[in-house]
Amino acid sequence: MKREYTNKISAIIVGVIFAIFCVLSAHAQDLKAILLKPAVWICVWSNPSLGYIGKGEIVFESRGDKVVAKIETSSATGPVSCERDVIISEDTVKFDGCIDRNIVLIFDPNDKVYLFKSKTETVNGLLYKLREK
């Protein structure tokens, strides 16, 4: 009897985990569709303590089962471009920029201008926002 009870509990736990995984997966698929929808995104970054603001363009592309960000921007030495892998989860988009690393943008469906934005500064003290061009 105890073994039967344990098997039922195990089946329930597996079912709950599967349901949660499917929901998270659906949200990630929604974010992927949003990122891939427009041709070009404008990425704005700033350093609040220095009053510095920069801007670049990003195109997100699907490559098989992964998404890449093609980034075009400029620096003090001239134009900079790179391509980085993107990690999409339930409500975040993560990628490295051409210079800055570990950019984490959180989806904000309530902001109609900047759908994605960072909540914390990166190593270089930058905050990021992403909007459709």
Protein backbone atom coordinates (compact mmCIF):
# COMPACT_ATOMS: atom_id res chain seq x y z
CA MET A 1 0.00 0.00 0.00
CA LYS A 2 2.82 2.38 0.90
CA ARG A 3 4.55 1.72 -2.44
CA GLU A 4 1.33 2.46 -4.35
CA TYR A 5 0.94 5.75 -2.44
CA THR A 6 4.57 6.68 -3.21
CA ASN A 7 4.03 5.94 -6.91
CA LYS A 8 0.94 8.17 -7.00
CA ILE A 9 2.79 11.02 -5.27
CA SER A 10 5.69 10.61 -7.69
CA ALA A 11 3.30 10.74 -10.66
CA ILE A 12 1.68 13.91 -9.30
CA ILE A 13 5.06 15.58 -8.78
CA VAL A 14 6.17 14.66 -12.32
CA GLY A 15 2.88 16.01 -13.69
CA VAL A 16 3.27 19.32 -11.84
CA ILE A 17 6.87 19.71 -12.99
CA PHE A 18 5.84 18.93 -16.56
CA ALA A 19 3.00 21.48 -16.39
CA ILE A 20 5.33 24.17 -15.04
CA PHE A 21 7.93 23.41 -17.71
CA CYS A 22 5.31 23.69 -20.47
CA VAL A 23 4.07 27.04 -19.15
CA LEU A 24 7.60 28.43 -18.92
CA SER A 25 8.31 27.10 -22.36
CA ALA A 26 5.22 28.81 -23.76
CA HIS A 27 6.27 32.15 -22.25
CA ALA A 28 9.77 31.78 -23.70
CA GLN A 29 8.25 31.00 -27.10
CA ASP A 30 6.12 34.17 -26.84
CA LEU A 31 9.20 36.28 -26.10
CA LYS A 32 11.04 34.65 -28.98
CA ALA A 33 8.16 35.53 -31.32
CA ILE A 34 8.20 39.15 -30.08
CA LEU A 35 11.97 39.47 -30.62
CA LEU A 36 11.83 37.97 -34.10
CA LYS A 37 8.77 39.96 -35.22
CA PRO A 38 10.31 43.36 -36.10
CA ALA A 39 13.25 43.61 -38.44
CA VAL A 40 15.29 45.99 -36.23
CA TRP A 41 15.37 46.88 -32.53
CA ILE A 42 16.91 50.03 -31.06
CA CYS A 43 19.01 49.37 -27.97
CA VAL A 44 19.63 52.32 -25.68
CA TRP A 45 22.10 52.13 -22.82
CA SER A 46 23.04 54.62 -20.18
CA ASN A 47 25.34 55.08 -17.24
CA PRO A 48 23.20 56.95 -14.68
CA SER A 49 26.16 58.06 -12.58
CA LEU A 50 28.02 59.58 -15.56
CA GLY A 51 25.02 60.76 -17.58
CA TYR A 52 26.30 58.80 -20.59
CA ILE A 53 23.81 57.54 -23.20
CA GLY A 54 24.52 55.35 -26.22
CA LYS A 55 22.44 53.73 -28.92
CA GLY A 56 22.75 50.85 -31.36
CA GLU A 57 20.65 48.55 -33.51
CA ILE A 58 20.00 44.85 -32.97
CA VAL A 59 18.47 42.32 -35.32
CA PHE A 60 17.42 39.03 -33.71
CA GLU A 61 17.52 36.02 -35.99
CA SER A 62 16.45 32.44 -35.57
CA ARG A 63 19.14 29.93 -36.46
CA GLY A 64 17.72 26.46 -36.07
CA ASP A 65 16.91 25.99 -32.40
CA LYS A 66 18.82 29.08 -31.22
CA VAL A 67 18.47 32.85 -31.53
CA VAL A 68 21.34 35.23 -32.26
CA ALA A 69 21.60 39.01 -31.87
CA LYS A 70 23.34 40.90 -34.68
CA ILE A 71 24.49 44.14 -33.06
CA GLU A 72 25.57 47.33 -34.84
CA THR A 73 26.79 50.29 -32.79
CA SER A 74 29.61 52.79 -32.62
CA SER A 75 32.36 53.55 -30.15
CA ALA A 76 34.98 56.24 -29.72
CA THR A 77 37.12 54.38 -32.25
CA GLY A 78 34.40 53.87 -34.86
CA PRO A 79 31.68 51.40 -35.86
CA VAL A 80 31.40 48.15 -33.92
CA SER A 81 29.46 45.07 -34.94
CA CYS A 82 29.19 41.60 -33.49
CA GLU A 83 26.93 38.59 -33.30
CA ARG A 84 26.01 36.95 -29.99
CA ASP A 85 23.90 34.00 -28.90
CA VAL A 86 20.70 34.88 -27.02
CA ILE A 87 19.17 32.99 -24.10
CA ILE A 88 15.41 33.43 -23.76
CA SER A 89 13.62 32.34 -20.59
CA GLU A 90 10.16 32.91 -19.13
CA ASP A 91 10.44 36.72 -18.87
CA THR A 92 14.06 37.58 -19.68
CA VAL A 93 16.38 37.86 -22.64
CA LYS A 94 20.12 37.42 -21.97
CA PHE A 95 23.06 38.10 -24.26
CA ASP A 96 26.48 39.73 -24.38
CA GLY A 97 26.93 43.01 -26.19
CA CYS A 98 29.92 43.78 -28.38
CA ILE A 99 31.73 45.27 -25.37
CA ASP A 100 29.53 44.82 -22.29
CA ARG A 101 28.79 41.33 -20.99
CA ASN A 102 25.83 39.63 -19.34
CA ILE A 103 23.02 41.94 -20.46
CA VAL A 104 19.74 40.77 -18.90
CA LEU A 105 16.57 42.40 -20.21
CA ILE A 106 13.24 41.81 -18.51
CA PHE A 107 10.04 41.82 -20.55
CA ASP A 108 7.63 44.58 -19.47
CA PRO A 109 4.27 44.23 -21.29
CA ASN A 110 3.01 47.42 -19.58
CA ASP A 111 5.65 49.65 -21.20
CA LYS A 112 4.52 50.21 -24.78
CA VAL A 113 7.77 51.95 -25.81
CA TYR A 114 10.51 49.86 -24.19
CA LEU A 115 9.26 46.27 -24.08
CA PHE A 116 12.55 45.04 -22.59
CA LYS A 117 14.79 46.73 -20.01
CA SER A 118 17.45 45.89 -17.48
CA LYS A 119 16.79 46.32 -13.78
CA THR A 120 20.42 46.19 -12.68
CA GLU A 121 23.60 47.71 -14.02
CA THR A 122 26.13 45.57 -15.86
CA VAL A 123 29.80 45.33 -14.89
CA ASN A 124 30.43 48.56 -16.80
CA GLY A 125 27.65 50.39 -14.91
CA LEU A 126 25.20 50.41 -17.81
CA LEU A 127 21.43 50.03 -17.91
CA TYR A 128 19.77 48.82 -21.14
CA LYS A 129 16.40 49.36 -22.87
CA LEU A 130 15.12 47.81 -26.08
CA ARG A 131 12.38 49.16 -28.36
CA GLU A 132 11.17 48.49 -31.86
CA LYS A 133 12.61 50.78 -34.54
